[in-house]
């Protein structure tokens, strides 16, 4: 799991960012292979910290959307992920390092 999303799960989110944060968390869980039922528990625990918490219906909508669609939130400077949680630094992020390695390998294979 991306370090920034681990941090997002650990802290509360204020009204106005909760739905976006929830879909980011659920989509990351889906991306790494977490079962939907386990992701539901992660979202419920995370939601207890929110000010105010989302309703169960909202959490279910977020969960269903994340598992139905193929959303992925990356490291773009202007991306939604960075508007919600501070990047810990690409030098500390295993996901980003692997992403860069993959991109370099792809570029080499095209040559």
Protein backbone atom coordinates (compact mmCIF):
# COMPACT_ATOMS: atom_id res chain seq x y z
CA UNK A 1 0.00 0.00 0.00
CA UNK A 2 1.20 3.46 -0.82
CA UNK A 3 2.70 5.20 2.22
CA UNK A 4 0.57 8.31 1.71
CA UNK A 5 -2.61 6.22 1.75
CA UNK A 6 -1.51 4.45 4.93
CA UNK A 7 -1.20 7.92 6.44
CA UNK A 8 -4.61 8.90 5.08
CA UNK A 9 -6.18 5.89 6.80
CA UNK A 10 -4.55 6.83 10.11
CA UNK A 11 -5.99 10.36 10.30
CA UNK A 12 -9.37 12.06 10.19
CA UNK A 13 -10.68 13.90 7.17
CA UNK A 14 -12.96 16.92 7.35
CA UNK A 15 -16.25 17.48 5.57
CA UNK A 16 -15.61 18.26 1.92
CA UNK A 17 -12.80 15.72 1.50
CA UNK A 18 -14.29 12.59 3.06
CA UNK A 19 -15.82 11.05 -0.09
CA UNK A 20 -12.67 11.60 -2.14
CA UNK A 21 -10.51 10.21 0.65
CA UNK A 22 -12.80 7.20 1.00
CA UNK A 23 -12.69 6.35 -2.71
CA UNK A 24 -8.91 6.70 -2.70
CA UNK A 25 -8.58 4.33 0.27
CA UNK A 26 -11.04 1.79 -1.14
CA UNK A 27 -9.46 1.91 -4.60
CA UNK A 28 -6.00 1.35 -3.15
CA UNK A 29 -7.28 -1.61 -1.15
CA UNK A 30 -8.78 -3.07 -4.33
CA UNK A 31 -5.55 -2.40 -6.25
CA UNK A 32 -3.46 -4.39 -3.79
CA UNK A 33 -5.93 -7.28 -3.68
CA UNK A 34 -7.74 -6.67 -0.40
CA UNK A 35 -11.09 -8.45 -0.25
CA UNK A 36 -14.13 -6.17 -0.32
CA UNK A 37 -15.31 -7.29 3.13
CA UNK A 38 -11.94 -6.40 4.65
CA UNK A 39 -11.92 -3.03 2.89
CA UNK A 40 -15.36 -2.35 4.38
CA UNK A 41 -13.83 -2.81 7.85
CA UNK A 42 -10.92 -0.52 6.99
CA UNK A 43 -13.32 2.17 5.77
CA UNK A 44 -15.54 1.85 8.84
CA UNK A 45 -12.58 2.20 11.20
CA UNK A 46 -11.17 5.14 9.24
CA UNK A 47 -14.60 6.78 9.14
CA UNK A 48 -14.86 6.83 12.95
CA UNK A 49 -12.14 9.52 12.98
CA UNK A 50 -13.83 11.77 10.41
CA UNK A 51 -15.46 15.03 11.39
CA UNK A 52 -18.36 14.22 10.93
CA UNK A 53 -18.32 10.59 9.83
CA UNK A 54 -19.90 9.55 6.54
CA UNK A 55 -23.13 7.58 6.68
CA UNK A 56 -23.10 3.81 6.15
CA UNK A 57 -24.90 4.36 2.82
CA UNK A 58 -22.13 6.73 1.70
CA UNK A 59 -19.45 4.21 2.72
CA UNK A 60 -21.26 1.45 0.82
CA UNK A 61 -21.50 3.64 -2.30
CA UNK A 62 -17.76 4.41 -2.09
CA UNK A 63 -16.90 0.75 -1.61
CA UNK A 64 -19.10 -0.45 -4.47
CA UNK A 65 -17.71 2.21 -6.80
CA UNK A 66 -14.09 1.37 -5.97
CA UNK A 67 -14.62 -2.34 -6.62
CA UNK A 68 -16.74 -1.84 -9.73
CA UNK A 69 -14.41 0.65 -11.41
CA UNK A 70 -10.69 0.52 -11.94
CA UNK A 71 -9.70 3.77 -10.25
CA UNK A 72 -6.07 4.32 -9.36
CA UNK A 73 -4.67 7.41 -7.72
CA UNK A 74 -1.05 8.19 -8.36
CA UNK A 75 1.59 10.75 -7.60
CA UNK A 76 0.76 13.58 -9.99
CA UNK A 77 1.50 16.99 -8.49
CA UNK A 78 -1.99 18.20 -9.42
CA UNK A 79 -3.76 14.92 -8.68
CA UNK A 80 -6.56 14.45 -6.19
CA UNK A 81 -4.43 12.26 -3.92
CA UNK A 82 -2.01 15.12 -3.25
CA UNK A 83 -4.85 17.53 -2.53
CA UNK A 84 -5.99 15.31 0.34
CA UNK A 85 -2.79 13.93 1.85
CA UNK A 86 0.76 15.20 1.95
CA UNK A 87 3.26 13.18 -0.05
CA UNK A 88 5.88 11.70 2.30
CA UNK A 89 8.48 12.16 -0.43
CA UNK A 90 9.16 10.07 -3.47
CA UNK A 91 12.45 8.92 -1.96
CA UNK A 92 10.46 7.14 0.81
CA UNK A 93 7.75 5.71 -1.44
CA UNK A 94 8.24 2.12 -2.63
CA UNK A 95 5.24 2.46 -4.96
CA UNK A 96 6.75 5.49 -6.72
CA UNK A 97 10.17 3.83 -6.99
CA UNK A 98 8.60 0.75 -8.59
CA UNK A 99 6.50 2.93 -10.90
CA UNK A 100 9.59 4.81 -12.12
CA UNK A 101 11.48 1.55 -12.64
CA UNK A 102 8.56 0.20 -14.70
CA UNK A 103 8.43 3.38 -16.78
CA UNK A 104 12.17 3.26 -17.48
CA UNK A 105 11.98 -0.41 -18.43
CA UNK A 106 9.05 0.31 -20.78
CA UNK A 107 10.94 3.18 -22.41
CA UNK A 108 14.00 0.97 -22.93
CA UNK A 109 11.93 -1.77 -24.56
CA UNK A 110 10.44 0.74 -27.05
CA UNK A 111 13.90 1.79 -28.27
